[in-house]
Amino acid sequence: MLKSMTAYGRSLKVSQKGRWVVEIHSINRKHLDLAIHLPKELLFLDLELRKWISQDIARGQVTVRIQFFPASQGIAPLGNWQKLKENWERLADELGYQKQAIDLPFLVSQMGNASYHQIDEEERSVQIEVKEIYLLALEQFMEMKRQEGKALFDDIAKRLEIIKLLLAQIEERSVGVGERYREKLQERVAQFFPLIDELKERAAKEVVLYAERADIAEEITRLSSHLAQFRSQLDLSAKSIGKTLDFLMQEMQREVNTLSAKSPDLKISSLAVEIKTELERVREQLQNVE
C-alpha cells in the first residue's frame, strides 16, 4: 500500500526524570533527508535516532524534535551529579567528615573520575526512555502516512483506469490506420507529382516506408505493459515504491509522446493528449509518494 511522504506525529510522556515531547514531521524530498533537534544532554543519541528513522522511512525530509522539561526536583545531567553527590556525602558521613565540604567545586573536580560504567548505564537508561517515547510518536506518524497514502492510491488508481480506457480506444482506432495513411499518400503523390514510369517504383517504396513509420502498434504494446506494471506496483507492501513508480511514469510519458508524434490520425492524437493530461496528474501525485 502507498505511503505519503507528508505526515506528522507527536507524543508526550511524564516520567520521574521530567516531561518528554517528541515530534516527527516530514515533507516531500526525493531522498531521505534528516534533521534532528535534541537538547544538548541528548546529543549522544543523534546517531541512534538516525538509525531508528531509517528503519521505517525511506524518502522525505524528516524532522525529529525532542524536548525535555526536567521535573521540579531536577534531573542530574549525564554523569549523574546527584548520585555522585550522594555517594560522596555518604562516604564523608562514614568517615566523620562534614557533608558541607561536598560542594560544587569538589564535585566538578571529581566528575572526571566518574566511572565510565556509571555513565554508560545512565546513557542506556535515557536511551530506553527516549526510544519508548519516540516509538509512540512514530506510530502516530506512520498512521498518518498510511491514511494519506490511501487517498493517493484511490486517486491514482482512478486515473489509471481512465488511461486504460483511452488506450483501448487508441488501439481500436489504430487498426488499419497504416493502410489508410498509405492510400492517402499515394493519392497525394499521384495528384501533385505525376511521375514518369522509372520513378513510380521508387515513389511507391517511399510511401510504404512513411506508412510503416506511422504504425504505433509497438508503442501501444509497451504503454499497455508499463501501465500493467505500474498498477501492480501500487498493490505492493514494499517500504518504498516511489522511485519505481517515477521510473515507470517516465517510460509511459515517453511512449505516449512517441505515439502522438507518429500517428497521422487526428482522433488518435486527441486521445493521446488526454492520456498525457492524466499522466501528468498522476505524476503530480507521485511527488508525495514514499
C-alpha atoms as a PDB file:
ATOM      1  CA  MET A   1       0.000   0.000   0.000  1.00  0.00           C
ATOM      2  CA  LEU A   2       1.210   3.502  -0.796  1.00  0.00           C
ATOM      3  CA  LYS A   3       2.567   5.731   1.950  1.00  0.00           C
ATOM      4  CA  SER A   4       2.652   9.500   1.771  1.00  0.00           C
ATOM      5  CA  MET A   5       5.814  11.467   2.428  1.00  0.00           C
ATOM      6  CA  THR A   6       3.819  14.138   4.243  1.00  0.00           C
ATOM      7  CA  ALA A   7       2.912  13.281   7.833  1.00  0.00           C
ATOM      8  CA  TYR A   8       3.119  14.386  11.461  1.00  0.00           C
ATOM      9  CA  GLY A   9       3.301  12.528  14.755  1.00  0.00           C
ATOM     10  CA  ARG A  10       3.617  13.690  18.358  1.00  0.00           C
ATOM     11  CA  SER A  11       3.943  12.003  21.723  1.00  0.00           C
ATOM     12  CA  LEU A  12       4.141  13.325  25.279  1.00  0.00           C
ATOM     13  CA  LYS A  13       5.109  11.424  28.402  1.00  0.00           C
ATOM     14  CA  VAL A  14       5.858  12.339  32.002  1.00  0.00           C
ATOM     15  CA  SER A  15       8.403  10.208  33.857  1.00  0.00           C
ATOM     16  CA  GLN A  16      10.451  10.517  37.031  1.00  0.00           C
ATOM     17  CA  LYS A  17      13.038  12.440  35.069  1.00  0.00           C
ATOM     18  CA  GLY A  18      10.565  15.025  33.774  1.00  0.00           C
ATOM     19  CA  ARG A  19       8.302  15.680  30.788  1.00  0.00           C
ATOM     20  CA  TRP A  20       9.258  14.491  27.299  1.00  0.00           C
ATOM     21  CA  VAL A  21       7.828  15.734  23.988  1.00  0.00           C
ATOM     22  CA  VAL A  22       8.742  14.067  20.703  1.00  0.00           C
ATOM     23  CA  GLU A  23       7.581  15.414  17.320  1.00  0.00           C
ATOM     24  CA  ILE A  24       8.154  13.856  13.896  1.00  0.00           C
ATOM     25  CA  HIS A  25       7.317  15.790  10.746  1.00  0.00           C
ATOM     26  CA  SER A  26       8.074  15.077   7.088  1.00  0.00           C
ATOM     27  CA  ILE A  27       7.574  16.699   3.677  1.00  0.00           C
ATOM     28  CA  ASN A  28       8.432  15.747   0.101  1.00  0.00           C
ATOM     29  CA  ARG A  29      12.029  15.030  -0.840  1.00  0.00           C
ATOM     30  CA  LYS A  30      13.496  12.617  -3.425  1.00  0.00           C
ATOM     31  CA  HIS A  31      15.889  11.108  -0.893  1.00  0.00           C
ATOM     32  CA  LEU A  32      15.908  10.707   2.887  1.00  0.00           C
ATOM     33  CA  ASP A  33      16.987  13.993   4.472  1.00  0.00           C
ATOM     34  CA  LEU A  34      17.068  14.034   8.284  1.00  0.00           C
ATOM     35  CA  ALA A  35      17.070  16.983  10.651  1.00  0.00           C
ATOM     36  CA  ILE A  36      17.459  16.040  14.341  1.00  0.00           C
ATOM     37  CA  HIS A  37      16.891  18.604  17.093  1.00  0.00           C
ATOM     38  CA  LEU A  38      17.955  17.451  20.557  1.00  0.00           C
ATOM     39  CA  PRO A  39      18.701  19.037  23.934  1.00  0.00           C
ATOM     40  CA  LYS A  40      22.447  19.193  24.468  1.00  0.00           C
ATOM     41  CA  GLU A  41      22.182  16.495  27.144  1.00  0.00           C
ATOM     42  CA  LEU A  42      20.871  14.068  24.495  1.00  0.00           C
ATOM     43  CA  LEU A  43      23.290  14.755  21.648  1.00  0.00           C
ATOM     44  CA  PHE A  44      24.819  11.323  22.185  1.00  0.00           C
ATOM     45  CA  LEU A  45      21.548   9.880  20.779  1.00  0.00           C
ATOM     46  CA  ASP A  46      21.819  11.605  17.391  1.00  0.00           C
ATOM     47  CA  LEU A  47      23.250   8.619  15.510  1.00  0.00           C
ATOM     48  CA  GLU A  48      20.863   6.193  17.183  1.00  0.00           C
ATOM     49  CA  LEU A  49      17.883   8.311  16.174  1.00  0.00           C
ATOM     50  CA  ARG A  50      19.067   8.338  12.571  1.00  0.00           C
ATOM     51  CA  LYS A  51      19.240   4.540  12.643  1.00  0.00           C
ATOM     52  CA  TRP A  52      15.755   4.262  14.119  1.00  0.00           C
ATOM     53  CA  ILE A  53      14.284   6.573  11.485  1.00  0.00           C
ATOM     54  CA  SER A  54      15.961   4.888   8.509  1.00  0.00           C
ATOM     55  CA  GLN A  55      14.495   1.545   9.581  1.00  0.00           C
ATOM     56  CA  ASP A  56      10.965   2.769   8.841  1.00  0.00           C
ATOM     57  CA  ILE A  57      11.296   5.728   6.466  1.00  0.00           C
ATOM     58  CA  ALA A  58      12.979   5.646   3.051  1.00  0.00           C
ATOM     59  CA  ARG A  59      12.275   9.055   1.493  1.00  0.00           C
ATOM     60  CA  GLY A  60      11.323  12.555   2.508  1.00  0.00           C
ATOM     61  CA  GLN A  61      12.649  15.469   4.510  1.00  0.00           C
ATOM     62  CA  VAL A  62      12.102  14.245   8.058  1.00  0.00           C
ATOM     63  CA  THR A  63      12.435  16.462  11.109  1.00  0.00           C
ATOM     64  CA  VAL A  64      12.586  14.949  14.601  1.00  0.00           C
ATOM     65  CA  ARG A  65      12.432  17.278  17.564  1.00  0.00           C
ATOM     66  CA  ILE A  66      12.809  16.094  21.163  1.00  0.00           C
ATOM     67  CA  GLN A  67      12.124  18.452  24.049  1.00  0.00           C
ATOM     68  CA  PHE A  68      12.787  17.720  27.687  1.00  0.00           C
ATOM     69  CA  PHE A  69      11.425  19.610  30.704  1.00  0.00           C
ATOM     70  CA  PRO A  70      13.043  18.420  33.961  1.00  0.00           C
ATOM     71  CA  ALA A  71      10.933  17.527  36.959  1.00  0.00           C
ATOM     72  CA  SER A  72      10.658  20.171  39.707  1.00  0.00           C
ATOM     73  CA  GLN A  73      13.367  18.491  41.771  1.00  0.00           C
ATOM     74  CA  GLY A  74      15.569  18.488  38.721  1.00  0.00           C
ATOM     75  CA  ILE A  75      17.355  15.733  36.914  1.00  0.00           C
ATOM     76  CA  ALA A  76      21.044  15.066  37.043  1.00  0.00           C
ATOM     77  CA  PRO A  77      22.733  15.640  33.703  1.00  0.00           C
ATOM     78  CA  LEU A  78      24.698  12.892  32.054  1.00  0.00           C
ATOM     79  CA  GLY A  79      27.263  11.608  34.551  1.00  0.00           C
ATOM     80  CA  ASN A  80      24.642  11.890  37.320  1.00  0.00           C
ATOM     81  CA  TRP A  81      25.729  14.770  39.577  1.00  0.00           C
ATOM     82  CA  GLN A  82      23.072  13.892  42.136  1.00  0.00           C
ATOM     83  CA  LYS A  83      24.213  10.313  42.504  1.00  0.00           C
ATOM     84  CA  LEU A  84      27.856  11.417  42.694  1.00  0.00           C
ATOM     85  CA  LYS A  85      26.976  13.926  45.427  1.00  0.00           C
ATOM     86  CA  GLU A  86      25.027  11.318  47.402  1.00  0.00           C
ATOM     87  CA  ASN A  87      27.895   8.827  47.195  1.00  0.00           C
ATOM     88  CA  TRP A  88      30.457  11.337  48.457  1.00  0.00           C
ATOM     89  CA  GLU A  89      28.158  12.581  51.248  1.00  0.00           C
ATOM     90  CA  ARG A  90      27.648   9.001  52.429  1.00  0.00           C
ATOM     91  CA  LEU A  91      31.378   8.379  52.368  1.00  0.00           C
ATOM     92  CA  ALA A  92      32.059  11.648  54.243  1.00  0.00           C
ATOM     93  CA  ASP A  93      29.478  10.701  56.851  1.00  0.00           C
ATOM     94  CA  GLU A  94      31.035   7.266  57.333  1.00  0.00           C
ATOM     95  CA  LEU A  95      34.494   8.824  57.749  1.00  0.00           C
ATOM     96  CA  GLY A  96      33.250  11.524  60.134  1.00  0.00           C
ATOM     97  CA  TYR A  97      33.722  14.494  57.787  1.00  0.00           C
ATOM     98  CA  GLN A  98      31.376  17.451  57.282  1.00  0.00           C
ATOM     99  CA  LYS A  99      28.877  16.978  54.416  1.00  0.00           C
ATOM    100  CA  GLN A 100      29.146  20.691  53.671  1.00  0.00           C
ATOM    101  CA  ALA A 101      32.566  20.002  52.156  1.00  0.00           C
ATOM    102  CA  ILE A 102      30.823  18.216  49.269  1.00  0.00           C
ATOM    103  CA  ASP A 103      30.162  21.404  47.285  1.00  0.00           C
ATOM    104  CA  LEU A 104      30.052  22.132  43.564  1.00  0.00           C
ATOM    105  CA  PRO A 105      33.808  22.788  43.053  1.00  0.00           C
ATOM    106  CA  PHE A 106      34.573  19.497  44.758  1.00  0.00           C
ATOM    107  CA  LEU A 107      32.066  17.602  42.575  1.00  0.00           C
ATOM    108  CA  VAL A 108      33.463  19.205  39.423  1.00  0.00           C
ATOM    109  CA  SER A 109      36.941  18.057  40.413  1.00  0.00           C
ATOM    110  CA  GLN A 110      35.632  14.530  40.929  1.00  0.00           C
ATOM    111  CA  MET A 111      33.475  14.381  37.808  1.00  0.00           C
ATOM    112  CA  GLY A 112      36.429  13.402  35.662  1.00  0.00           C
ATOM    113  CA  ASN A 113      36.919  10.370  37.900  1.00  0.00           C
ATOM    114  CA  ALA A 114      33.334   9.200  37.488  1.00  0.00           C
ATOM    115  CA  SER A 115      33.061   5.610  36.381  1.00  0.00           C
ATOM    116  CA  TYR A 116      32.567   5.063  32.664  1.00  0.00           C
ATOM    117  CA  HIS A 117      30.363   2.173  33.645  1.00  0.00           C
ATOM    118  CA  GLN A 118      28.157   4.565  35.604  1.00  0.00           C
ATOM    119  CA  ILE A 119      27.903   6.922  32.620  1.00  0.00           C
ATOM    120  CA  ASP A 120      27.153   4.058  30.211  1.00  0.00           C
ATOM    121  CA  GLU A 121      24.402   2.792  32.472  1.00  0.00           C
ATOM    122  CA  GLU A 122      22.775   6.211  32.580  1.00  0.00           C
ATOM    123  CA  GLU A 123      23.061   6.627  28.818  1.00  0.00           C
ATOM    124  CA  ARG A 124      21.338   3.293  28.324  1.00  0.00           C
ATOM    125  CA  SER A 125      18.584   4.265  30.740  1.00  0.00           C
ATOM    126  CA  VAL A 126      17.958   7.544  28.911  1.00  0.00           C
ATOM    127  CA  GLN A 127      18.118   5.843  25.519  1.00  0.00           C
ATOM    128  CA  ILE A 128      15.492   3.290  26.519  1.00  0.00           C
ATOM    129  CA  GLU A 129      13.158   6.014  27.748  1.00  0.00           C
ATOM    130  CA  VAL A 130      13.674   8.196  24.676  1.00  0.00           C
ATOM    131  CA  LYS A 131      13.084   5.281  22.297  1.00  0.00           C
ATOM    132  CA  GLU A 132       9.860   4.375  24.074  1.00  0.00           C
ATOM    133  CA  ILE A 133       8.528   7.904  23.593  1.00  0.00           C
ATOM    134  CA  TYR A 134       9.891   8.110  20.033  1.00  0.00           C
ATOM    135  CA  LEU A 135       8.013   4.920  19.083  1.00  0.00           C
ATOM    136  CA  LEU A 136       4.751   6.416  20.336  1.00  0.00           C
ATOM    137  CA  ALA A 137       5.245   9.434  18.053  1.00  0.00           C
ATOM    138  CA  LEU A 138       6.324   7.159  15.192  1.00  0.00           C
ATOM    139  CA  GLU A 139       3.129   5.101  15.478  1.00  0.00           C
ATOM    140  CA  GLN A 140       1.001   8.225  15.019  1.00  0.00           C
ATOM    141  CA  PHE A 141       3.319   9.465  12.254  1.00  0.00           C
ATOM    142  CA  MET A 142       3.121   6.207  10.275  1.00  0.00           C
ATOM    143  CA  GLU A 143      -0.646   6.037  10.648  1.00  0.00           C
ATOM    144  CA  MET A 144      -0.949   9.456   9.012  1.00  0.00           C
ATOM    145  CA  LYS A 145       1.402   8.320   6.221  1.00  0.00           C
ATOM    146  CA  ARG A 146      -0.862   5.334   5.581  1.00  0.00           C
ATOM    147  CA  GLN A 147      -4.048   7.416   5.616  1.00  0.00           C
ATOM    148  CA  GLU A 148      -2.610   9.966   3.195  1.00  0.00           C
ATOM    149  CA  GLY A 149      -1.246   7.096   1.089  1.00  0.00           C
ATOM    150  CA  LYS A 150      -4.733   5.567   0.837  1.00  0.00           C
ATOM    151  CA  ALA A 151      -6.069   8.833  -0.604  1.00  0.00           C
ATOM    152  CA  LEU A 152      -3.182   8.931  -3.089  1.00  0.00           C
ATOM    153  CA  PHE A 153      -3.824   5.298  -4.053  1.00  0.00           C
ATOM    154  CA  ASP A 154      -7.515   5.906  -4.743  1.00  0.00           C
ATOM    155  CA  ASP A 155      -6.844   8.938  -6.931  1.00  0.00           C
ATOM    156  CA  ILE A 156      -4.004   7.321  -8.910  1.00  0.00           C
ATOM    157  CA  ALA A 157      -5.938   4.069  -9.430  1.00  0.00           C
ATOM    158  CA  LYS A 158      -8.905   6.035 -10.786  1.00  0.00           C
ATOM    159  CA  ARG A 159      -6.694   7.872 -13.285  1.00  0.00           C
ATOM    160  CA  LEU A 160      -5.010   4.656 -14.392  1.00  0.00           C
ATOM    161  CA  GLU A 161      -8.424   3.249 -15.294  1.00  0.00           C
ATOM    162  CA  ILE A 162      -9.147   6.351 -17.384  1.00  0.00           C
ATOM    163  CA  ILE A 163      -5.800   5.942 -19.178  1.00  0.00           C
ATOM    164  CA  LYS A 164      -6.554   2.256 -19.799  1.00  0.00           C
ATOM    165  CA  LEU A 165      -9.879   3.126 -21.443  1.00  0.00           C
ATOM    166  CA  LEU A 166      -8.290   5.852 -23.581  1.00  0.00           C
ATOM    167  CA  LEU A 167      -5.554   3.471 -24.699  1.00  0.00           C
ATOM    168  CA  ALA A 168      -8.154   0.865 -25.653  1.00  0.00           C
ATOM    169  CA  GLN A 169      -9.819   3.467 -27.881  1.00  0.00           C
ATOM    170  CA  ILE A 170      -6.467   4.273 -29.493  1.00  0.00           C
ATOM    171  CA  GLU A 171      -5.788   0.585 -30.119  1.00  0.00           C
ATOM    172  CA  GLU A 172      -9.185   0.114 -31.737  1.00  0.00           C
ATOM    173  CA  ARG A 173      -8.734   3.243 -33.846  1.00  0.00           C
ATOM    174  CA  SER A 174      -5.217   2.245 -34.922  1.00  0.00           C
ATOM    175  CA  VAL A 175      -6.444  -0.884 -36.773  1.00  0.00           C
ATOM    176  CA  GLY A 176      -5.940  -0.169 -40.477  1.00  0.00           C
ATOM    177  CA  VAL A 177      -4.607   3.337 -39.893  1.00  0.00           C
ATOM    178  CA  GLY A 178      -1.341   2.490 -41.663  1.00  0.00           C
ATOM    179  CA  GLU A 179      -3.185   1.265 -44.757  1.00  0.00           C
ATOM    180  CA  ARG A 180      -5.409   4.339 -44.785  1.00  0.00           C
ATOM    181  CA  TYR A 181      -2.376   6.588 -44.459  1.00  0.00           C
ATOM    182  CA  ARG A 182      -0.609   4.796 -47.318  1.00  0.00           C
ATOM    183  CA  GLU A 183      -3.628   5.188 -49.598  1.00  0.00           C
ATOM    184  CA  LYS A 184      -3.832   8.888 -48.798  1.00  0.00           C
ATOM    185  CA  LEU A 185      -0.140   9.364 -49.537  1.00  0.00           C
ATOM    186  CA  GLN A 186      -0.461   7.556 -52.847  1.00  0.00           C
ATOM    187  CA  GLU A 187      -3.359   9.785 -53.837  1.00  0.00           C
ATOM    188  CA  ARG A 188      -1.388  12.917 -52.942  1.00  0.00           C
ATOM    189  CA  VAL A 189       1.682  11.770 -54.846  1.00  0.00           C
ATOM    190  CA  ALA A 190      -0.374  10.920 -57.904  1.00  0.00           C
ATOM    191  CA  GLN A 191      -2.230  14.252 -57.709  1.00  0.00           C
ATOM    192  CA  PHE A 192       0.687  16.639 -57.273  1.00  0.00           C
ATOM    193  CA  PHE A 193       3.619  14.771 -58.768  1.00  0.00           C
ATOM    194  CA  PRO A 194       2.755  12.906 -61.964  1.00  0.00           C
ATOM    195  CA  LEU A 195       5.677  10.517 -62.283  1.00  0.00           C
ATOM    196  CA  ILE A 196       7.438   9.005 -65.193  1.00  0.00           C
ATOM    197  CA  ASP A 197       7.496   5.227 -65.172  1.00  0.00           C
ATOM    198  CA  GLU A 198      11.020   4.822 -63.794  1.00  0.00           C
ATOM    199  CA  LEU A 199      10.185   6.905 -60.681  1.00  0.00           C
ATOM    200  CA  LYS A 200       6.895   5.253 -59.825  1.00  0.00           C
ATOM    201  CA  GLU A 201       8.510   2.253 -58.148  1.00  0.00           C
ATOM    202  CA  ARG A 202      10.761   4.485 -56.043  1.00  0.00           C
ATOM    203  CA  ALA A 203       7.804   6.668 -55.011  1.00  0.00           C
ATOM    204  CA  ALA A 204       5.820   3.576 -54.050  1.00  0.00           C
ATOM    205  CA  LYS A 205       8.644   2.394 -51.784  1.00  0.00           C
ATOM    206  CA  GLU A 206       8.818   5.808 -50.081  1.00  0.00           C
ATOM    207  CA  VAL A 207       5.069   5.770 -49.491  1.00  0.00           C
ATOM    208  CA  VAL A 208       5.289   2.311 -47.889  1.00  0.00           C
ATOM    209  CA  LEU A 209       8.189   3.489 -45.702  1.00  0.00           C
ATOM    210  CA  TYR A 210       6.263   6.525 -44.411  1.00  0.00           C
ATOM    211  CA  ALA A 211       3.206   4.376 -43.751  1.00  0.00           C
ATOM    212  CA  GLU A 212       5.294   1.912 -41.723  1.00  0.00           C
ATOM    213  CA  ARG A 213       6.736   4.752 -39.672  1.00  0.00           C
ATOM    214  CA  ALA A 214       3.178   5.763 -38.789  1.00  0.00           C
ATOM    215  CA  ASP A 215       2.491   2.333 -37.270  1.00  0.00           C
ATOM    216  CA  ILE A 216       2.002   2.728 -33.479  1.00  0.00           C
ATOM    217  CA  ALA A 217       1.401  -0.917 -32.531  1.00  0.00           C
ATOM    218  CA  GLU A 218       4.707  -1.209 -30.649  1.00  0.00           C
ATOM    219  CA  GLU A 219       4.061   1.964 -28.644  1.00  0.00           C
ATOM    220  CA  ILE A 220       0.590   0.717 -27.707  1.00  0.00           C
ATOM    221  CA  THR A 221       2.017  -2.627 -26.555  1.00  0.00           C
ATOM    222  CA  ARG A 222       4.775  -1.047 -24.477  1.00  0.00           C
ATOM    223  CA  LEU A 223       2.438   1.524 -22.960  1.00  0.00           C
ATOM    224  CA  SER A 224      -0.013  -1.240 -22.015  1.00  0.00           C
ATOM    225  CA  SER A 225       2.829  -3.208 -20.399  1.00  0.00           C
ATOM    226  CA  HIS A 226       4.080  -0.210 -18.398  1.00  0.00           C
ATOM    227  CA  LEU A 227       0.530   0.553 -17.316  1.00  0.00           C
ATOM    228  CA  ALA A 228       0.062  -3.008 -16.023  1.00  0.00           C
ATOM    229  CA  GLN A 229       3.399  -2.900 -14.167  1.00  0.00           C
ATOM    230  CA  PHE A 230       2.529   0.454 -12.633  1.00  0.00           C
ATOM    231  CA  ARG A 231      -0.825  -0.837 -11.416  1.00  0.00           C
ATOM    232  CA  SER A 232       0.726  -3.971  -9.902  1.00  0.00           C
ATOM    233  CA  GLN A 233       3.319  -1.867  -8.045  1.00  0.00           C
ATOM    234  CA  LEU A 234       0.534   0.070  -6.327  1.00  0.00           C
ATOM    235  CA  ASP A 235      -0.584  -3.109  -4.558  1.00  0.00           C
ATOM    236  CA  LEU A 236       2.852  -3.987  -3.197  1.00  0.00           C
ATOM    237  CA  SER A 237       3.569  -3.620   0.521  1.00  0.00           C
ATOM    238  CA  ALA A 238       7.195  -2.587  -0.050  1.00  0.00           C
ATOM    239  CA  LYS A 239       8.570   0.093   2.266  1.00  0.00           C
ATOM    240  CA  SER A 240       9.237   2.466  -0.614  1.00  0.00           C
ATOM    241  CA  ILE A 241       7.988   2.198  -4.210  1.00  0.00           C
ATOM    242  CA  GLY A 242       8.032   5.884  -5.141  1.00  0.00           C
ATOM    243  CA  LYS A 243      11.254   5.641  -7.171  1.00  0.00           C
ATOM    244  CA  THR A 244       9.969   2.637  -9.116  1.00  0.00           C
ATOM    245  CA  LEU A 245       6.735   4.442  -9.917  1.00  0.00           C
ATOM    246  CA  ASP A 246       8.686   7.528 -11.006  1.00  0.00           C
ATOM    247  CA  PHE A 247      10.656   5.410 -13.472  1.00  0.00           C
ATOM    248  CA  LEU A 248       7.554   3.742 -14.908  1.00  0.00           C
ATOM    249  CA  MET A 249       5.885   7.136 -15.208  1.00  0.00           C
ATOM    250  CA  GLN A 250       8.785   8.456 -17.295  1.00  0.00           C
ATOM    251  CA  GLU A 251       8.568   5.405 -19.560  1.00  0.00           C
ATOM    252  CA  MET A 252       4.815   5.845 -20.058  1.00  0.00           C
ATOM    253  CA  GLN A 253       5.220   9.523 -20.869  1.00  0.00           C
ATOM    254  CA  ARG A 254       7.933   8.669 -23.399  1.00  0.00           C
ATOM    255  CA  GLU A 255       5.737   6.087 -25.144  1.00  0.00           C
ATOM    256  CA  VAL A 256       2.688   8.317 -25.373  1.00  0.00           C
ATOM    257  CA  ASN A 257       4.820  11.170 -26.736  1.00  0.00           C
ATOM    258  CA  THR A 258       6.208   8.874 -29.439  1.00  0.00           C
ATOM    259  CA  LEU A 259       2.755   7.528 -30.182  1.00  0.00           C
ATOM    260  CA  SER A 260       1.350  11.024 -30.554  1.00  0.00           C
ATOM    261  CA  ALA A 261       4.203  12.151 -32.811  1.00  0.00           C
ATOM    262  CA  LYS A 262       3.979   9.124 -35.124  1.00  0.00           C
ATOM    263  CA  SER A 263       0.235   8.841 -35.622  1.00  0.00           C
ATOM    264  CA  PRO A 264      -1.248  10.725 -38.596  1.00  0.00           C
ATOM    265  CA  ASP A 265      -4.767  10.199 -37.222  1.00  0.00           C
ATOM    266  CA  LEU A 266      -6.268  13.287 -35.589  1.00  0.00           C
ATOM    267  CA  LYS A 267      -8.570  11.261 -33.337  1.00  0.00           C
ATOM    268  CA  ILE A 268      -5.630   9.218 -32.036  1.00  0.00           C
ATOM    269  CA  SER A 269      -3.667  12.422 -31.439  1.00  0.00           C
ATOM    270  CA  SER A 270      -6.587  13.831 -29.470  1.00  0.00           C
ATOM    271  CA  LEU A 271      -6.820  10.687 -27.318  1.00  0.00           C
ATOM    272  CA  ALA A 272      -3.060  10.804 -26.746  1.00  0.00           C
ATOM    273  CA  VAL A 273      -3.382  14.354 -25.421  1.00  0.00           C
ATOM    274  CA  GLU A 274      -5.988  13.143 -22.915  1.00  0.00           C
ATOM    275  CA  ILE A 275      -3.623  10.379 -21.780  1.00  0.00           C
ATOM    276  CA  LYS A 276      -0.825  12.928 -21.352  1.00  0.00           C
ATOM    277  CA  THR A 277      -3.123  15.035 -19.190  1.00  0.00           C
ATOM    278  CA  GLU A 278      -3.975  12.100 -16.924  1.00  0.00           C
ATOM    279  CA  LEU A 279      -0.333  11.012 -16.725  1.00  0.00           C
ATOM    280  CA  GLU A 280       0.672  14.498 -15.651  1.00  0.00           C
ATOM    281  CA  ARG A 281      -1.919  14.410 -12.878  1.00  0.00           C
ATOM    282  CA  VAL A 282      -0.588  11.044 -11.718  1.00  0.00           C
ATOM    283  CA  ARG A 283       2.982  12.400 -11.851  1.00  0.00           C
ATOM    284  CA  GLU A 284       1.967  15.271  -9.567  1.00  0.00           C
ATOM    285  CA  GLN A 285       0.542  12.813  -7.058  1.00  0.00           C
ATOM    286  CA  LEU A 286       3.714  10.724  -7.204  1.00  0.00           C
ATOM    287  CA  GLN A 287       5.678  13.665  -5.845  1.00  0.00           C
ATOM    288  CA  ASN A 288       4.183  12.809  -2.451  1.00  0.00           C
ATOM    289  CA  VAL A 289       4.626   9.002  -2.577  1.00  0.00           C
ATOM    290  CA  GLU A 290       7.368   7.482  -0.433  1.00  0.00           C
END
